[in-house]
Structure formats: structure tokens, C-alpha cells
Amino acid sequence: MAVATFDTLKFANTLKAAGVPDKQAEAQAVAFAEVIQINFKDLVTKDDLATATKELKQEIADARKEAKQDTADLRKETKQEFADLRKEIGDLRKELKQDMADLRKELKQDIADARKETKDAEQRVNARLDTIAAQIKGEMLLLKWMFGAIVGMGAAILVRLFLVRGPLV
């Protein structure tokens, strides 16, 4: 802090030489010294300013260094996060491809099973139809022989009734 030096005696003598009464010159010198002391007590000196400037420059340098370090740390963290994210995306792609392959395989198996079941059902239906067709053929053959026998008997009855007259022995 600056200490302002003010020569009150010299100031008072200068006032006295100019014709100011002694008491008044001394009072003005004391009052002026107090004003100077009050006004200059918080006055910054060159040394104070140089010290403050040096401290400010150091704080700015420290802040720059810290900002550079923070930026470097952030870049490093960001690179790591991107690497982790890329790895996760790669893992998810692999997992998705595997899931899709498994789904395709399962779907193919389901389709094959459905085709087999359909073929088995078709074979059972065809076997049943063949059985029914054989039964119908057998019944048709029986009906054909029965119809032939009935027609033959009917013809014999008609012949006997209309053509042959006489007792049946």
C-alpha cells in the first residue's frame, strides 16, 4: 500500500509567504494532509499492480492448463465411450444375426414339421379313402351279384307264371 508523503510545514510556509495568516495556513496544511491521507490510503502502487498482474497471469495460466487437461480428459473419455458403444453395437449385431439364424432354422424346422404332418395326414386320409373305396367296391360287387340273382329269380318267376303252366315239382 502506498504511503503518500506530504510536507505540511513546507505547505504552511508557502501559504504564509503568500500572505495567509499563520493559524489559517497551519490549519489548511493539517486539513489538506488529512484529505491526502484519506484519499491515498487505498491507492494501488506499481508494486501492488505488478503483484496483482503476476497473480492474475498465473491464475489464467493455471485455468488454461486445467482447461486443456479437462479437454484432454473429455476427449479420452469420449473416445472410450465411443469404443464401448461400437463394441456394444458389434455385440448386438452378432447377437441379432445369431437370433435371426436361429429363427430361420426354427422356422425351417417348423415348416418341415408342418409338411410332414400334412403329408402324414394326407396319407391317413388316402388310406382311409382307399379302405372306404375297397368297402364300396365290395358292397357294389355284392349288390351287383344280388341284383343279378334277384333279376334272375324274377325272370324265373315271370317265366313260370306266364309261360309254364303246370305244377312245380
C-alpha atoms as a PDB file:
ATOM      1  CA  MET A   1       0.000   0.000   0.000  1.00  0.00           C
ATOM      2  CA  ALA A   2       1.280   3.457  -0.869  1.00  0.00           C
ATOM      3  CA  VAL A   3       2.117   5.950   1.784  1.00  0.00           C
ATOM      4  CA  ALA A   4       1.731   9.451   0.474  1.00  0.00           C
ATOM      5  CA  THR A   5       4.214  11.842   1.984  1.00  0.00           C
ATOM      6  CA  PHE A   6       3.072  15.386   2.333  1.00  0.00           C
ATOM      7  CA  ASP A   7       5.261  18.091   3.841  1.00  0.00           C
ATOM      8  CA  THR A   8       2.796  20.097   5.912  1.00  0.00           C
ATOM      9  CA  LEU A   9       5.476  22.518   7.117  1.00  0.00           C
ATOM     10  CA  LYS A  10       6.541  23.399   3.600  1.00  0.00           C
ATOM     11  CA  PHE A  11       2.885  23.815   2.560  1.00  0.00           C
ATOM     12  CA  ALA A  12       2.143  26.051   5.578  1.00  0.00           C
ATOM     13  CA  ASN A  13       5.264  28.174   4.899  1.00  0.00           C
ATOM     14  CA  THR A  14       4.231  28.544   1.243  1.00  0.00           C
ATOM     15  CA  LEU A  15       0.791  29.784   2.360  1.00  0.00           C
ATOM     16  CA  LYS A  16       2.344  32.177   4.903  1.00  0.00           C
ATOM     17  CA  ALA A  17       4.652  33.560   2.204  1.00  0.00           C
ATOM     18  CA  ALA A  18       1.574  34.184   0.068  1.00  0.00           C
ATOM     19  CA  GLY A  19       0.084  36.279   2.874  1.00  0.00           C
ATOM     20  CA  VAL A  20      -2.178  33.766   4.588  1.00  0.00           C
ATOM     21  CA  PRO A  21      -2.258  34.244   8.382  1.00  0.00           C
ATOM     22  CA  ASP A  22      -0.147  31.718  10.386  1.00  0.00           C
ATOM     23  CA  LYS A  23      -3.030  29.909  12.136  1.00  0.00           C
ATOM     24  CA  GLN A  24      -5.037  29.640   8.919  1.00  0.00           C
ATOM     25  CA  ALA A  25      -2.010  28.352   6.943  1.00  0.00           C
ATOM     26  CA  GLU A  26      -1.278  25.695   9.591  1.00  0.00           C
ATOM     27  CA  ALA A  27      -4.979  24.616   9.719  1.00  0.00           C
ATOM     28  CA  GLN A  28      -5.143  24.331   5.929  1.00  0.00           C
ATOM     29  CA  ALA A  29      -1.908  22.300   5.881  1.00  0.00           C
ATOM     30  CA  VAL A  30      -3.272  19.856   8.518  1.00  0.00           C
ATOM     31  CA  ALA A  31      -6.655  19.561   6.749  1.00  0.00           C
ATOM     32  CA  PHE A  32      -5.017  19.052   3.371  1.00  0.00           C
ATOM     33  CA  ALA A  33      -2.705  16.375   4.867  1.00  0.00           C
ATOM     34  CA  GLU A  34      -5.761  14.501   6.247  1.00  0.00           C
ATOM     35  CA  VAL A  35      -7.501  14.664   2.859  1.00  0.00           C
ATOM     36  CA  ILE A  36      -4.418  13.322   1.127  1.00  0.00           C
ATOM     37  CA  GLN A  37      -4.010  10.560   3.735  1.00  0.00           C
ATOM     38  CA  ILE A  38      -7.680   9.516   3.392  1.00  0.00           C
ATOM     39  CA  ASN A  39      -7.627   9.623  -0.423  1.00  0.00           C
ATOM     40  CA  PHE A  40      -4.320   7.848  -0.838  1.00  0.00           C
ATOM     41  CA  LYS A  41      -4.677   5.168   1.835  1.00  0.00           C
ATOM     42  CA  ASP A  42      -6.332   2.717  -0.659  1.00  0.00           C
ATOM     43  CA  LEU A  43      -4.265   3.844  -3.635  1.00  0.00           C
ATOM     44  CA  VAL A  44      -2.606   0.955  -5.525  1.00  0.00           C
ATOM     45  CA  THR A  45       1.126   1.174  -6.045  1.00  0.00           C
ATOM     46  CA  LYS A  46       3.086  -0.085  -9.047  1.00  0.00           C
ATOM     47  CA  ASP A  47       4.329  -2.958  -6.924  1.00  0.00           C
ATOM     48  CA  ASP A  48       0.761  -3.833  -5.891  1.00  0.00           C
ATOM     49  CA  LEU A  49      -0.323  -3.663  -9.534  1.00  0.00           C
ATOM     50  CA  ALA A  50       2.644  -5.772 -10.665  1.00  0.00           C
ATOM     51  CA  THR A  51       1.933  -8.382  -7.974  1.00  0.00           C
ATOM     52  CA  ALA A  52      -1.774  -8.485  -8.871  1.00  0.00           C
ATOM     53  CA  THR A  53      -0.939  -8.734 -12.578  1.00  0.00           C
ATOM     54  CA  LYS A  54       1.502 -11.570 -11.912  1.00  0.00           C
ATOM     55  CA  GLU A  55      -1.072 -13.404  -9.772  1.00  0.00           C
ATOM     56  CA  LEU A  56      -3.759 -12.879 -12.431  1.00  0.00           C
ATOM     57  CA  LYS A  57      -1.454 -14.163 -15.168  1.00  0.00           C
ATOM     58  CA  GLN A  58      -0.666 -17.209 -13.038  1.00  0.00           C
ATOM     59  CA  GLU A  59      -4.376 -17.836 -12.421  1.00  0.00           C
ATOM     60  CA  ILE A  60      -5.070 -17.513 -16.161  1.00  0.00           C
ATOM     61  CA  ALA A  61      -2.197 -19.903 -16.943  1.00  0.00           C
ATOM     62  CA  ASP A  62      -3.498 -22.352 -14.336  1.00  0.00           C
ATOM     63  CA  ALA A  63      -7.019 -22.049 -15.749  1.00  0.00           C
ATOM     64  CA  ARG A  64      -5.706 -22.675 -19.284  1.00  0.00           C
ATOM     65  CA  LYS A  65      -3.720 -25.670 -18.091  1.00  0.00           C
ATOM     66  CA  GLU A  66      -6.755 -27.022 -16.242  1.00  0.00           C
ATOM     67  CA  ALA A  67      -8.989 -26.392 -19.272  1.00  0.00           C
ATOM     68  CA  LYS A  68      -6.504 -28.201 -21.537  1.00  0.00           C
ATOM     69  CA  GLN A  69      -6.346 -31.106 -19.103  1.00  0.00           C
ATOM     70  CA  ASP A  70     -10.144 -31.202 -18.824  1.00  0.00           C
ATOM     71  CA  THR A  71     -10.408 -31.129 -22.629  1.00  0.00           C
ATOM     72  CA  ALA A  72      -7.869 -33.943 -22.944  1.00  0.00           C
ATOM     73  CA  ASP A  73      -9.691 -35.959 -20.280  1.00  0.00           C
ATOM     74  CA  LEU A  74     -13.018 -35.337 -22.007  1.00  0.00           C
ATOM     75  CA  ARG A  75     -11.585 -36.419 -25.357  1.00  0.00           C
ATOM     76  CA  LYS A  76     -10.165 -39.552 -23.770  1.00  0.00           C
ATOM     77  CA  GLU A  77     -13.477 -40.341 -22.059  1.00  0.00           C
ATOM     78  CA  THR A  78     -15.372 -39.637 -25.287  1.00  0.00           C
ATOM     79  CA  LYS A  79     -13.077 -41.937 -27.272  1.00  0.00           C
ATOM     80  CA  GLN A  80     -13.540 -44.643 -24.662  1.00  0.00           C
ATOM     81  CA  GLU A  81     -17.317 -44.178 -24.684  1.00  0.00           C
ATOM     82  CA  PHE A  82     -17.367 -44.400 -28.490  1.00  0.00           C
ATOM     83  CA  ALA A  83     -15.188 -47.513 -28.378  1.00  0.00           C
ATOM     84  CA  ASP A  84     -17.504 -49.078 -25.804  1.00  0.00           C
ATOM     85  CA  LEU A  85     -20.530 -48.075 -27.865  1.00  0.00           C
ATOM     86  CA  ARG A  86     -19.023 -49.543 -31.034  1.00  0.00           C
ATOM     87  CA  LYS A  87     -18.283 -52.772 -29.159  1.00  0.00           C
ATOM     88  CA  GLU A  88     -21.847 -52.921 -27.835  1.00  0.00           C
ATOM     89  CA  ILE A  89     -23.221 -52.286 -31.330  1.00  0.00           C
ATOM     90  CA  GLY A  90     -20.973 -55.045 -32.703  1.00  0.00           C
ATOM     91  CA  ASP A  91     -22.086 -57.418 -29.969  1.00  0.00           C
ATOM     92  CA  LEU A  92     -25.728 -56.570 -30.627  1.00  0.00           C
ATOM     93  CA  ARG A  93     -25.233 -57.159 -34.353  1.00  0.00           C
ATOM     94  CA  LYS A  94     -23.678 -60.561 -33.680  1.00  0.00           C
ATOM     95  CA  GLU A  95     -26.459 -61.420 -31.260  1.00  0.00           C
ATOM     96  CA  LEU A  96     -29.105 -60.238 -33.720  1.00  0.00           C
ATOM     97  CA  LYS A  97     -27.548 -62.251 -36.554  1.00  0.00           C
ATOM     98  CA  GLN A  98     -27.446 -65.327 -34.328  1.00  0.00           C
ATOM     99  CA  ASP A  99     -31.053 -64.782 -33.261  1.00  0.00           C
ATOM    100  CA  MET A 100     -32.092 -64.389 -36.899  1.00  0.00           C
ATOM    101  CA  ALA A 101     -30.193 -67.550 -37.876  1.00  0.00           C
ATOM    102  CA  ASP A 102     -31.796 -69.439 -35.004  1.00  0.00           C
ATOM    103  CA  LEU A 103     -35.209 -68.110 -36.008  1.00  0.00           C
ATOM    104  CA  ARG A 104     -34.655 -69.149 -39.638  1.00  0.00           C
ATOM    105  CA  LYS A 105     -33.568 -72.608 -38.515  1.00  0.00           C
ATOM    106  CA  GLU A 106     -36.551 -72.908 -36.187  1.00  0.00           C
ATOM    107  CA  LEU A 107     -38.894 -71.646 -38.904  1.00  0.00           C
ATOM    108  CA  LYS A 108     -37.481 -74.140 -41.420  1.00  0.00           C
ATOM    109  CA  GLN A 109     -37.929 -76.916 -38.874  1.00  0.00           C
ATOM    110  CA  ASP A 110     -41.498 -75.786 -38.171  1.00  0.00           C
ATOM    111  CA  ILE A 111     -42.239 -75.729 -41.913  1.00  0.00           C
ATOM    112  CA  ALA A 112     -40.683 -79.191 -42.334  1.00  0.00           C
ATOM    113  CA  ASP A 113     -42.707 -80.479 -39.374  1.00  0.00           C
ATOM    114  CA  ALA A 114     -45.885 -78.943 -40.799  1.00  0.00           C
ATOM    115  CA  ARG A 115     -45.184 -80.510 -44.202  1.00  0.00           C
ATOM    116  CA  LYS A 116     -44.543 -83.891 -42.569  1.00  0.00           C
ATOM    117  CA  GLU A 117     -47.723 -83.605 -40.520  1.00  0.00           C
ATOM    118  CA  THR A 118     -49.649 -82.589 -43.639  1.00  0.00           C
ATOM    119  CA  LYS A 119     -48.141 -85.497 -45.585  1.00  0.00           C
ATOM    120  CA  ASP A 120     -48.934 -87.909 -42.751  1.00  0.00           C
ATOM    121  CA  ALA A 121     -52.492 -86.585 -42.558  1.00  0.00           C
ATOM    122  CA  GLU A 122     -52.806 -86.874 -46.342  1.00  0.00           C
ATOM    123  CA  GLN A 123     -51.542 -90.465 -46.197  1.00  0.00           C
ATOM    124  CA  ARG A 124     -54.009 -91.293 -43.422  1.00  0.00           C
ATOM    125  CA  VAL A 125     -56.836 -89.703 -45.419  1.00  0.00           C
ATOM    126  CA  ASN A 126     -55.746 -91.533 -48.576  1.00  0.00           C
ATOM    127  CA  ALA A 127     -55.530 -94.832 -46.661  1.00  0.00           C
ATOM    128  CA  ARG A 128     -58.966 -94.233 -45.203  1.00  0.00           C
ATOM    129  CA  LEU A 129     -60.312 -93.315 -48.643  1.00  0.00           C
ATOM    130  CA  ASP A 130     -58.714 -96.438 -50.106  1.00  0.00           C
ATOM    131  CA  THR A 131     -60.345 -98.502 -47.337  1.00  0.00           C
ATOM    132  CA  ILE A 132     -63.703 -96.852 -47.963  1.00  0.00           C
ATOM    133  CA  ALA A 133     -63.288 -97.311 -51.750  1.00  0.00           C
ATOM    134  CA  ALA A 134     -62.475-101.009 -51.232  1.00  0.00           C
ATOM    135  CA  GLN A 135     -65.517-101.371 -48.979  1.00  0.00           C
ATOM    136  CA  ILE A 136     -67.696 -99.627 -51.542  1.00  0.00           C
ATOM    137  CA  LYS A 137     -66.294-101.834 -54.329  1.00  0.00           C
ATOM    138  CA  GLY A 138     -67.008-104.910 -52.249  1.00  0.00           C
ATOM    139  CA  GLU A 139     -70.515-103.737 -51.492  1.00  0.00           C
ATOM    140  CA  MET A 140     -71.060-102.790 -55.146  1.00  0.00           C
ATOM    141  CA  LEU A 141     -69.883-106.216 -56.227  1.00  0.00           C
ATOM    142  CA  LEU A 142     -72.208-107.806 -53.682  1.00  0.00           C
ATOM    143  CA  LEU A 143     -75.062-105.605 -54.864  1.00  0.00           C
ATOM    144  CA  LYS A 144     -74.257-106.463 -58.460  1.00  0.00           C
ATOM    145  CA  TRP A 145     -74.446-110.205 -57.722  1.00  0.00           C
ATOM    146  CA  MET A 146     -77.520-109.757 -55.570  1.00  0.00           C
ATOM    147  CA  PHE A 147     -79.203-107.659 -58.266  1.00  0.00           C
ATOM    148  CA  GLY A 148     -78.278-110.280 -60.877  1.00  0.00           C
ATOM    149  CA  ALA A 149     -79.670-113.027 -58.648  1.00  0.00           C
ATOM    150  CA  ILE A 150     -82.858-111.042 -57.956  1.00  0.00           C
ATOM    151  CA  VAL A 151     -83.335-110.293 -61.667  1.00  0.00           C
ATOM    152  CA  GLY A 152     -82.695-113.959 -62.485  1.00  0.00           C
ATOM    153  CA  MET A 153     -85.199-115.069 -59.837  1.00  0.00           C
ATOM    154  CA  GLY A 154     -87.715-112.501 -61.007  1.00  0.00           C
ATOM    155  CA  ALA A 155     -87.293-113.696 -64.598  1.00  0.00           C
ATOM    156  CA  ALA A 156     -87.707-117.313 -63.478  1.00  0.00           C
ATOM    157  CA  ILE A 157     -90.863-116.358 -61.567  1.00  0.00           C
ATOM    158  CA  LEU A 158     -92.228-114.495 -64.565  1.00  0.00           C
ATOM    159  CA  VAL A 159     -91.385-117.357 -66.897  1.00  0.00           C
ATOM    160  CA  ARG A 160     -93.082-119.750 -64.544  1.00  0.00           C
ATOM    161  CA  LEU A 161     -96.118-117.574 -64.186  1.00  0.00           C
ATOM    162  CA  PHE A 162     -96.641-116.656 -67.749  1.00  0.00           C
ATOM    163  CA  LEU A 163     -95.036-119.307 -69.837  1.00  0.00           C
ATOM    164  CA  VAL A 164     -95.029-122.514 -67.925  1.00  0.00           C
ATOM    165  CA  ARG A 165     -98.358-123.700 -66.533  1.00  0.00           C
ATOM    166  CA  GLY A 166     -98.255-126.641 -64.513  1.00  0.00           C
ATOM    167  CA  PRO A 167     -97.350-127.792 -61.106  1.00  0.00           C
ATOM    168  CA  LEU A 168     -93.997-127.193 -59.697  1.00  0.00           C
ATOM    169  CA  VAL A 169     -92.419-130.263 -58.559  1.00  0.00           C
END
